[in-house]
PDB file of N, CA and C in Angstrom:
ATOM      1  N   MET A   1     -17.834   6.945   4.526  1.00  0.00           N
ATOM      2  CA  MET A   1     -18.387   6.160   3.427  1.00  0.00           C
ATOM      3  C   MET A   1     -18.342   4.653   3.725  1.00  0.00           C
ATOM      4  N   GLY A   2     -17.678   4.270   4.778  1.00  0.00           N
ATOM      5  CA  GLY A   2     -17.669   2.873   5.184  1.00  0.00           C
ATOM      6  C   GLY A   2     -16.443   2.101   4.741  1.00  0.00           C
ATOM      7  N   ARG A   3     -16.267   0.954   5.346  1.00  0.00           N
ATOM      8  CA  ARG A   3     -15.085   0.120   5.093  1.00  0.00           C
ATOM      9  C   ARG A   3     -15.057  -0.442   3.673  1.00  0.00           C
ATOM     10  N   ASP A   4     -16.206  -0.603   3.043  1.00  0.00           N
ATOM     11  CA  ASP A   4     -16.267  -1.195   1.705  1.00  0.00           C
ATOM     12  C   ASP A   4     -16.422  -0.157   0.600  1.00  0.00           C
ATOM     13  N   ALA A   5     -16.182   1.094   0.925  1.00  0.00           N
ATOM     14  CA  ALA A   5     -16.306   2.160  -0.083  1.00  0.00           C
ATOM     15  C   ALA A   5     -15.302   1.927  -1.210  1.00  0.00           C
ATOM     16  N   GLN A   6     -15.618   2.492  -2.367  1.00  0.00           N
ATOM     17  CA  GLN A   6     -14.738   2.396  -3.524  1.00  0.00           C
ATOM     18  C   GLN A   6     -14.487   3.787  -4.065  1.00  0.00           C
ATOM     19  N   GLY A   7     -13.335   3.962  -4.698  1.00  0.00           N
ATOM     20  CA  GLY A   7     -13.062   5.265  -5.274  1.00  0.00           C
ATOM     21  C   GLY A   7     -11.704   5.353  -5.909  1.00  0.00           C
ATOM     22  N   TYR A   8     -11.367   6.547  -6.336  1.00  0.00           N
ATOM     23  CA  TYR A   8     -10.080   6.826  -6.968  1.00  0.00           C
ATOM     24  C   TYR A   8      -9.532   8.133  -6.421  1.00  0.00           C
ATOM     25  N   ILE A   9      -8.222   8.178  -6.300  1.00  0.00           N
ATOM     26  CA  ILE A   9      -7.539   9.435  -6.045  1.00  0.00           C
ATOM     27  C   ILE A   9      -6.428   9.541  -7.075  1.00  0.00           C
ATOM     28  N   LEU A  10      -6.339  10.691  -7.696  1.00  0.00           N
ATOM     29  CA  LEU A  10      -5.350  10.908  -8.756  1.00  0.00           C
ATOM     30  C   LEU A  10      -4.515  12.128  -8.423  1.00  0.00           C
ATOM     31  N   TYR A  11      -3.215  11.967  -8.527  1.00  0.00           N
ATOM     32  CA  TYR A  11      -2.283  13.075  -8.376  1.00  0.00           C
ATOM     33  C   TYR A  11      -1.542  13.236  -9.692  1.00  0.00           C
ATOM     34  N   THR A  12      -1.452  14.462 -10.199  1.00  0.00           N
ATOM     35  CA  THR A  12      -0.713  14.699 -11.435  1.00  0.00           C
ATOM     36  C   THR A  12       0.647  15.316 -11.106  1.00  0.00           C
ATOM     37  N   PRO A  13       1.621  15.141 -12.007  1.00  0.00           N
ATOM     38  CA  PRO A  13       2.931  15.769 -11.786  1.00  0.00           C
ATOM     39  C   PRO A  13       2.835  17.296 -11.723  1.00  0.00           C
ATOM     40  N   GLY A  14       1.796  17.881 -12.319  1.00  0.00           N
ATOM     41  CA  GLY A  14       1.616  19.326 -12.327  1.00  0.00           C
ATOM     42  C   GLY A  14       1.000  19.892 -11.064  1.00  0.00           C
ATOM     43  N   GLY A  15       0.661  19.033 -10.088  1.00  0.00           N
ATOM     44  CA  GLY A  15       0.153  19.516  -8.811  1.00  0.00           C
ATOM     45  C   GLY A  15      -1.350  19.475  -8.640  1.00  0.00           C
ATOM     46  N   GLN A  16      -2.078  18.755  -9.498  1.00  0.00           N
ATOM     47  CA  GLN A  16      -3.527  18.638  -9.340  1.00  0.00           C
ATOM     48  C   GLN A  16      -3.865  17.323  -8.622  1.00  0.00           C
ATOM     49  N   VAL A  17      -4.950  17.373  -7.841  1.00  0.00           N
ATOM     50  CA  VAL A  17      -5.474  16.188  -7.177  1.00  0.00           C
ATOM     51  C   VAL A  17      -6.961  16.089  -7.477  1.00  0.00           C
ATOM     52  N   SER A  18      -7.443  14.861  -7.611  1.00  0.00           N
ATOM     53  CA  SER A  18      -8.860  14.606  -7.797  1.00  0.00           C
ATOM     54  C   SER A  18      -9.201  13.348  -7.006  1.00  0.00           C
ATOM     55  N   ALA A  19     -10.244  13.421  -6.194  1.00  0.00           N
ATOM     56  CA  ALA A  19     -10.655  12.279  -5.377  1.00  0.00           C
ATOM     57  C   ALA A  19     -12.152  12.069  -5.523  1.00  0.00           C
ATOM     58  N   THR A  20     -12.539  10.808  -5.693  1.00  0.00           N
ATOM     59  CA  THR A  20     -13.944  10.423  -5.775  1.00  0.00           C
ATOM     60  C   THR A  20     -14.110   9.156  -4.951  1.00  0.00           C
ATOM     61  N   ILE A  21     -15.121   9.137  -4.097  1.00  0.00           N
ATOM     62  CA  ILE A  21     -15.372   7.962  -3.270  1.00  0.00           C
ATOM     63  C   ILE A  21     -16.879   7.725  -3.179  1.00  0.00           C
ATOM     64  N   MET A  22     -17.271   6.436  -3.216  1.00  0.00           N
ATOM     65  CA  MET A  22     -18.690   6.067  -3.218  1.00  0.00           C
ATOM     66  C   MET A  22     -18.928   4.940  -2.212  1.00  0.00           C
ATOM     67  N   ARG A  23     -20.058   5.034  -1.517  1.00  0.00           N
ATOM     68  CA  ARG A  23     -20.448   3.945  -0.614  1.00  0.00           C
ATOM     69  C   ARG A  23     -20.618   2.657  -1.425  1.00  0.00           C
ATOM     70  N   ALA A  24     -20.391   1.536  -0.769  1.00  0.00           N
ATOM     71  CA  ALA A  24     -20.507   0.239  -1.431  1.00  0.00           C
ATOM     72  C   ALA A  24     -21.903   0.016  -2.010  1.00  0.00           C
ATOM     73  N   ASP A  25     -22.940   0.526  -1.338  1.00  0.00           N
ATOM     74  CA  ASP A  25     -24.303   0.335  -1.842  1.00  0.00           C
ATOM     75  C   ASP A  25     -24.701   1.396  -2.874  1.00  0.00           C
ATOM     76  N   LYS A  26     -23.737   2.261  -3.235  1.00  0.00           N
ATOM     77  CA  LYS A  26     -23.917   3.306  -4.258  1.00  0.00           C
ATOM     78  C   LYS A  26     -24.953   4.352  -3.872  1.00  0.00           C
ATOM     79  N   SER A  27     -25.255   4.472  -2.576  1.00  0.00           N
ATOM     80  CA  SER A  27     -26.263   5.431  -2.125  1.00  0.00           C
ATOM     81  C   SER A  27     -25.715   6.851  -1.984  1.00  0.00           C
ATOM     82  N   GLU A  28     -24.404   6.993  -1.944  1.00  0.00           N
ATOM     83  CA  GLU A  28     -23.815   8.324  -1.742  1.00  0.00           C
ATOM     84  C   GLU A  28     -22.439   8.371  -2.388  1.00  0.00           C
ATOM     85  N   CYS A  29     -22.131   9.522  -2.985  1.00  0.00           N
ATOM     86  CA  CYS A  29     -20.836   9.728  -3.632  1.00  0.00           C
ATOM     87  C   CYS A  29     -20.305  11.100  -3.237  1.00  0.00           C
ATOM     88  N   PHE A  30     -19.011  11.190  -3.034  1.00  0.00           N
ATOM     89  CA  PHE A  30     -18.363  12.447  -2.676  1.00  0.00           C
ATOM     90  C   PHE A  30     -17.145  12.620  -3.574  1.00  0.00           C
ATOM     91  N   ALA A  31     -16.952  13.827  -4.070  1.00  0.00           N
ATOM     92  CA  ALA A  31     -15.806  14.083  -4.946  1.00  0.00           C
ATOM     93  C   ALA A  31     -15.303  15.505  -4.754  1.00  0.00           C
ATOM     94  N   TYR A  32     -14.011  15.674  -5.003  1.00  0.00           N
ATOM     95  CA  TYR A  32     -13.430  17.013  -5.014  1.00  0.00           C
ATOM     96  C   TYR A  32     -12.179  17.001  -5.875  1.00  0.00           C
ATOM     97  N   ALA A  33     -11.750  18.192  -6.252  1.00  0.00           N
ATOM     98  CA  ALA A  33     -10.522  18.342  -7.038  1.00  0.00           C
ATOM     99  C   ALA A  33      -9.918  19.701  -6.716  1.00  0.00           C
ATOM    100  N   GLY A  34      -8.627  19.792  -6.953  1.00  0.00           N
ATOM    101  CA  GLY A  34      -7.928  21.044  -6.707  1.00  0.00           C
ATOM    102  C   GLY A  34      -6.436  20.856  -6.859  1.00  0.00           C
ATOM    103  N   ARG A  35      -5.681  21.579  -6.068  1.00  0.00           N
ATOM    104  CA  ARG A  35      -4.220  21.533  -6.099  1.00  0.00           C
ATOM    105  C   ARG A  35      -3.723  20.794  -4.863  1.00  0.00           C
ATOM    106  N   TYR A  36      -2.503  20.256  -4.948  1.00  0.00           N
ATOM    107  CA  TYR A  36      -1.892  19.629  -3.788  1.00  0.00           C
ATOM    108  C   TYR A  36      -0.438  20.042  -3.672  1.00  0.00           C
ATOM    109  N   GLU A  37       0.076  19.937  -2.460  1.00  0.00           N
ATOM    110  CA  GLU A  37       1.500  20.139  -2.201  1.00  0.00           C
ATOM    111  C   GLU A  37       1.915  19.152  -1.114  1.00  0.00           C
ATOM    112  N   VAL A  38       3.149  18.695  -1.189  1.00  0.00           N
ATOM    113  CA  VAL A  38       3.677  17.760  -0.199  1.00  0.00           C
ATOM    114  C   VAL A  38       4.606  18.526   0.727  1.00  0.00           C
ATOM    115  N   ALA A  39       4.442  18.335   2.033  1.00  0.00           N
ATOM    116  CA  ALA A  39       5.282  18.967   3.034  1.00  0.00           C
ATOM    117  C   ALA A  39       5.599  17.949   4.121  1.00  0.00           C
ATOM    118  N   ASP A  40       6.863  17.631   4.277  1.00  0.00           N
ATOM    119  CA  ASP A  40       7.290  16.623   5.255  1.00  0.00           C
ATOM    120  C   ASP A  40       6.560  15.306   4.985  1.00  0.00           C
ATOM    121  N   SER A  41       5.843  14.791   5.957  1.00  0.00           N
ATOM    122  CA  SER A  41       5.135  13.521   5.780  1.00  0.00           C
ATOM    123  C   SER A  41       3.637  13.744   5.611  1.00  0.00           C
ATOM    124  N   ALA A  42       3.280  14.879   4.984  1.00  0.00           N
ATOM    125  CA  ALA A  42       1.861  15.199   4.785  1.00  0.00           C
ATOM    126  C   ALA A  42       1.639  15.736   3.379  1.00  0.00           C
ATOM    127  N   VAL A  43       0.399  15.617   2.924  1.00  0.00           N
ATOM    128  CA  VAL A  43      -0.021  16.222   1.669  1.00  0.00           C
ATOM    129  C   VAL A  43      -1.152  17.191   2.005  1.00  0.00           C
ATOM    130  N   ILE A  44      -1.137  18.345   1.365  1.00  0.00           N
ATOM    131  CA  ILE A  44      -2.166  19.355   1.596  1.00  0.00           C
ATOM    132  C   ILE A  44      -2.999  19.474   0.330  1.00  0.00           C
ATOM    133  N   HIS A  45      -4.282  19.200   0.443  1.00  0.00           N
ATOM    134  CA  HIS A  45      -5.214  19.315  -0.672  1.00  0.00           C
ATOM    135  C   HIS A  45      -5.927  20.662  -0.555  1.00  0.00           C
ATOM    136  N   SER A  46      -5.772  21.517  -1.541  1.00  0.00           N
ATOM    137  CA  SER A  46      -6.484  22.799  -1.596  1.00  0.00           C
ATOM    138  C   SER A  46      -7.670  22.613  -2.528  1.00  0.00           C
ATOM    139  N   ILE A  47      -8.860  22.508  -1.968  1.00  0.00           N
ATOM    140  CA  ILE A  47     -10.054  22.126  -2.714  1.00  0.00           C
ATOM    141  C   ILE A  47     -10.582  23.317  -3.524  1.00  0.00           C
ATOM    142  N   GLU A  48     -10.734  23.106  -4.823  1.00  0.00           N
ATOM    143  CA  GLU A  48     -11.236  24.141  -5.741  1.00  0.00           C
ATOM    144  C   GLU A  48     -12.644  23.859  -6.227  1.00  0.00           C
ATOM    145  N   ILE A  49     -13.008  22.578  -6.363  1.00  0.00           N
ATOM    146  CA  ILE A  49     -14.375  22.175  -6.715  1.00  0.00           C
ATOM    147  C   ILE A  49     -14.737  20.958  -5.877  1.00  0.00           C
ATOM    148  N   SER A  50     -16.033  20.819  -5.557  1.00  0.00           N
ATOM    149  CA  SER A  50     -16.452  19.707  -4.707  1.00  0.00           C
ATOM    150  C   SER A  50     -17.949  19.475  -4.848  1.00  0.00           C
ATOM    151  N   THR A  51     -18.368  18.245  -4.586  1.00  0.00           N
ATOM    152  CA  THR A  51     -19.800  17.964  -4.521  1.00  0.00           C
ATOM    153  C   THR A  51     -20.418  18.619  -3.286  1.00  0.00           C
ATOM    154  N   ASN A  52     -19.581  19.024  -2.335  1.00  0.00           N
ATOM    155  CA  ASN A  52     -20.021  19.787  -1.162  1.00  0.00           C
ATOM    156  C   ASN A  52     -19.459  21.202  -1.311  1.00  0.00           C
ATOM    157  N   ALA A  53     -20.299  22.129  -1.728  1.00  0.00           N
ATOM    158  CA  ALA A  53     -19.861  23.502  -2.018  1.00  0.00           C
ATOM    159  C   ALA A  53     -19.188  24.181  -0.826  1.00  0.00           C
ATOM    160  N   LYS A  54     -19.505  23.773   0.397  1.00  0.00           N
ATOM    161  CA  LYS A  54     -18.895  24.372   1.583  1.00  0.00           C
ATOM    162  C   LYS A  54     -17.392  24.094   1.676  1.00  0.00           C
ATOM    163  N   LEU A  55     -16.910  23.089   0.951  1.00  0.00           N
ATOM    164  CA  LEU A  55     -15.492  22.731   1.020  1.00  0.00           C
ATOM    165  C   LEU A  55     -14.621  23.507   0.036  1.00  0.00           C
ATOM    166  N   VAL A  56     -15.218  24.235  -0.880  1.00  0.00           N
ATOM    167  CA  VAL A  56     -14.439  25.023  -1.843  1.00  0.00           C
ATOM    168  C   VAL A  56     -13.634  26.062  -1.073  1.00  0.00           C
ATOM    169  N   GLY A  57     -12.317  26.052  -1.285  1.00  0.00           N
ATOM    170  CA  GLY A  57     -11.414  26.944  -0.573  1.00  0.00           C
ATOM    171  C   GLY A  57     -10.795  26.312   0.668  1.00  0.00           C
ATOM    172  N   PHE A  58     -11.260  25.133   1.054  1.00  0.00           N
ATOM    173  CA  PHE A  58     -10.755  24.436   2.238  1.00  0.00           C
ATOM    174  C   PHE A  58      -9.402  23.793   1.933  1.00  0.00           C
ATOM    175  N   ARG A  59      -8.502  23.803   2.911  1.00  0.00           N
ATOM    176  CA  ARG A  59      -7.204  23.132   2.796  1.00  0.00           C
ATOM    177  C   ARG A  59      -7.193  21.952   3.757  1.00  0.00           C
ATOM    178  N   ALA A  60      -7.138  20.751   3.221  1.00  0.00           N
ATOM    179  CA  ALA A  60      -7.153  19.535   4.025  1.00  0.00           C
ATOM    180  C   ALA A  60      -5.731  18.994   4.147  1.00  0.00           C
ATOM    181  N   ILE A  61      -5.278  18.829   5.372  1.00  0.00           N
ATOM    182  CA  ILE A  61      -3.944  18.260   5.614  1.00  0.00           C
ATOM    183  C   ILE A  61      -4.114  16.782   5.913  1.00  0.00           C
ATOM    184  N   ARG A  62      -3.424  15.954   5.157  1.00  0.00           N
ATOM    185  CA  ARG A  62      -3.497  14.503   5.323  1.00  0.00           C
ATOM    186  C   ARG A  62      -2.087  13.958   5.539  1.00  0.00           C
ATOM    187  N   HIS A  63      -1.915  13.195   6.619  1.00  0.00           N
ATOM    188  CA  HIS A  63      -0.624  12.571   6.895  1.00  0.00           C
ATOM    189  C   HIS A  63      -0.485  11.339   6.010  1.00  0.00           C
ATOM    190  N   ILE A  64       0.688  11.166   5.423  1.00  0.00           N
ATOM    191  CA  ILE A  64       0.946  10.132   4.427  1.00  0.00           C
ATOM    192  C   ILE A  64       1.683   8.954   5.051  1.00  0.00           C
ATOM    193  N   LYS A  65       1.250   7.763   4.695  1.00  0.00           N
ATOM    194  CA  LYS A  65       2.002   6.552   5.018  1.00  0.00           C
ATOM    195  C   LYS A  65       1.894   5.613   3.823  1.00  0.00           C
ATOM    196  N   LEU A  66       3.033   5.249   3.258  1.00  0.00           N
ATOM    197  CA  LEU A  66       3.066   4.305   2.134  1.00  0.00           C
ATOM    198  C   LEU A  66       3.367   2.912   2.659  1.00  0.00           C
ATOM    199  N   GLU A  67       2.582   1.944   2.233  1.00  0.00           N
ATOM    200  CA  GLU A  67       2.748   0.549   2.635  1.00  0.00           C
ATOM    201  C   GLU A  67       2.551  -0.318   1.403  1.00  0.00           C
ATOM    202  N   ASP A  68       3.642  -0.770   0.810  1.00  0.00           N
ATOM    203  CA  ASP A  68       3.588  -1.562  -0.419  1.00  0.00           C
ATOM    204  C   ASP A  68       2.796  -0.814  -1.490  1.00  0.00           C
ATOM    205  N   ASP A  69       1.651  -1.374  -1.917  1.00  0.00           N
ATOM    206  CA  ASP A  69       0.849  -0.736  -2.967  1.00  0.00           C
ATOM    207  C   ASP A  69      -0.314   0.068  -2.385  1.00  0.00           C
ATOM    208  N   ARG A  70      -0.193   0.457  -1.118  1.00  0.00           N
ATOM    209  CA  ARG A  70      -1.255   1.199  -0.450  1.00  0.00           C
ATOM    210  C   ARG A  70      -0.763   2.568   0.022  1.00  0.00           C
ATOM    211  N   LEU A  71      -1.648   3.553  -0.116  1.00  0.00           N
ATOM    212  CA  LEU A  71      -1.398   4.905   0.351  1.00  0.00           C
ATOM    213  C   LEU A  71      -2.415   5.195   1.449  1.00  0.00           C
ATOM    214  N   ARG A  72      -1.931   5.422   2.655  1.00  0.00           N
ATOM    215  CA  ARG A  72      -2.804   5.720   3.791  1.00  0.00           C
ATOM    216  C   ARG A  72      -2.769   7.226   4.025  1.00  0.00           C
ATOM    217  N   LEU A  73      -3.943   7.858   3.962  1.00  0.00           N
ATOM    218  CA  LEU A  73      -4.078   9.290   4.228  1.00  0.00           C
ATOM    219  C   LEU A  73      -4.953   9.468   5.459  1.00  0.00           C
ATOM    220  N   ALA A  74      -4.450  10.202   6.451  1.00  0.00           N
ATOM    221  CA  ALA A  74      -5.193  10.399   7.695  1.00  0.00           C
ATOM    222  C   ALA A  74      -5.141  11.860   8.094  1.00  0.00           C
ATOM    223  N   GLY A  75      -6.266  12.356   8.620  1.00  0.00           N
ATOM    224  CA  GLY A  75      -6.314  13.736   9.079  1.00  0.00           C
ATOM    225  C   GLY A  75      -7.671  14.077   9.652  1.00  0.00           C
ATOM    226  N   ALA A  76      -7.801  15.328  10.053  1.00  0.00           N
ATOM    227  CA  ALA A  76      -9.048  15.806  10.646  1.00  0.00           C
ATOM    228  C   ALA A  76     -10.176  15.795   9.626  1.00  0.00           C
ATOM    229  N   ASP A  77     -11.392  15.635  10.131  1.00  0.00           N
ATOM    230  CA  ASP A  77     -12.587  15.669   9.296  1.00  0.00           C
ATOM    231  C   ASP A  77     -12.674  17.011   8.565  1.00  0.00           C
ATOM    232  N   PHE A  78     -13.385  17.045   7.456  1.00  0.00           N
ATOM    233  CA  PHE A  78     -13.564  18.282   6.696  1.00  0.00           C
ATOM    234  C   PHE A  78     -14.396  19.312   7.454  1.00  0.00           C
ATOM    235  N   ILE A  79     -15.227  18.877   8.378  1.00  0.00           N
ATOM    236  CA  ILE A  79     -16.118  19.783   9.109  1.00  0.00           C
ATOM    237  C   ILE A  79     -15.351  20.383  10.286  1.00  0.00           C
ATOM    238  N   ALA A  80     -15.215  21.686  10.302  1.00  0.00           N
ATOM    239  CA  ALA A  80     -14.389  22.371  11.297  1.00  0.00           C
ATOM    240  C   ALA A  80     -14.814  22.080  12.739  1.00  0.00           C
ATOM    241  N   GLU A  81     -16.115  21.966  12.996  1.00  0.00           N
ATOM    242  CA  GLU A  81     -16.603  21.764  14.358  1.00  0.00           C
ATOM    243  C   GLU A  81     -16.454  20.318  14.824  1.00  0.00           C
ATOM    244  N   SER A  82     -16.117  19.422  13.917  1.00  0.00           N
ATOM    245  CA  SER A  82     -16.034  18.005  14.241  1.00  0.00           C
ATOM    246  C   SER A  82     -14.659  17.666  14.823  1.00  0.00           C
ATOM    247  N   PHE A  83     -14.651  16.741  15.758  1.00  0.00           N
ATOM    248  CA  PHE A  83     -13.390  16.265  16.314  1.00  0.00           C
ATOM    249  C   PHE A  83     -13.035  14.889  15.744  1.00  0.00           C
ATOM    250  N   ARG A  84     -13.785  14.470  14.738  1.00  0.00           N
ATOM    251  CA  ARG A  84     -13.531  13.169  14.123  1.00  0.00           C
ATOM    252  C   ARG A  84     -12.257  13.217  13.281  1.00  0.00           C
ATOM    253  N   MET A  85     -11.646  12.061  13.148  1.00  0.00           N
ATOM    254  CA  MET A  85     -10.493  11.898  12.264  1.00  0.00           C
ATOM    255  C   MET A  85     -10.923  11.002  11.111  1.00  0.00           C
ATOM    256  N   GLN A  86     -10.320  11.236   9.964  1.00  0.00           N
ATOM    257  CA  GLN A  86     -10.584  10.404   8.786  1.00  0.00           C
ATOM    258  C   GLN A  86      -9.331   9.615   8.458  1.00  0.00           C
ATOM    259  N   GLU A  87      -9.535   8.415   7.974  1.00  0.00           N
ATOM    260  CA  GLU A  87      -8.415   7.636   7.454  1.00  0.00           C
ATOM    261  C   GLU A  87      -8.931   6.881   6.238  1.00  0.00           C
ATOM    262  N   ILE A  88      -8.248   7.075   5.128  1.00  0.00           N
ATOM    263  CA  ILE A  88      -8.609   6.368   3.902  1.00  0.00           C
ATOM    264  C   ILE A  88      -7.367   5.635   3.419  1.00  0.00           C
ATOM    265  N   ILE A  89      -7.551   4.390   3.071  1.00  0.00           N
ATOM    266  CA  ILE A  89      -6.455   3.595   2.521  1.00  0.00           C
ATOM    267  C   ILE A  89      -6.759   3.356   1.055  1.00  0.00           C
ATOM    268  N   TRP A  90      -5.891   3.892   0.208  1.00  0.00           N
ATOM    269  CA  TRP A  90      -6.045   3.777  -1.239  1.00  0.00           C
ATOM    270  C   TRP A  90      -5.099   2.681  -1.732  1.00  0.00           C
ATOM    271  N   LYS A  91      -5.600   1.810  -2.594  1.00  0.00           N
ATOM    272  CA  LYS A  91      -4.773   0.745  -3.180  1.00  0.00           C
ATOM    273  C   LYS A  91      -4.480   1.118  -4.622  1.00  0.00           C
ATOM    274  N   ARG A  92      -3.207   0.986  -5.011  1.00  0.00           N
ATOM    275  CA  ARG A  92      -2.815   1.313  -6.390  1.00  0.00           C
ATOM    276  C   ARG A  92      -3.596   0.447  -7.373  1.00  0.00           C
ATOM    277  N   ALA A  93      -4.174   1.100  -8.368  1.00  0.00           N
ATOM    278  CA  ALA A  93      -4.974   0.384  -9.387  1.00  0.00           C
ATOM    279  C   ALA A  93      -4.051  -0.215 -10.451  1.00  0.00           C
TER     280      ALA A  93
END
């Protein structure tokens, strides 16, 4: 989505996660929601609904790094055949 993308990620105490991200020019938006669990230094998002139907049922592992008011999540791309890595830095609102 690019360096200037905007969005929100929400984690609830009950184990739900919701993420929405949009390109800066508002030409594309991606969202998903589901359950999460924390294991060691990673969070696992189990996707239950998504703007990309192919991701429903997918488990995304994201490595966690906290830096002041920023949450850095990094992991493999959602597309199984891709060797790309994703990194998103979320700033506390």
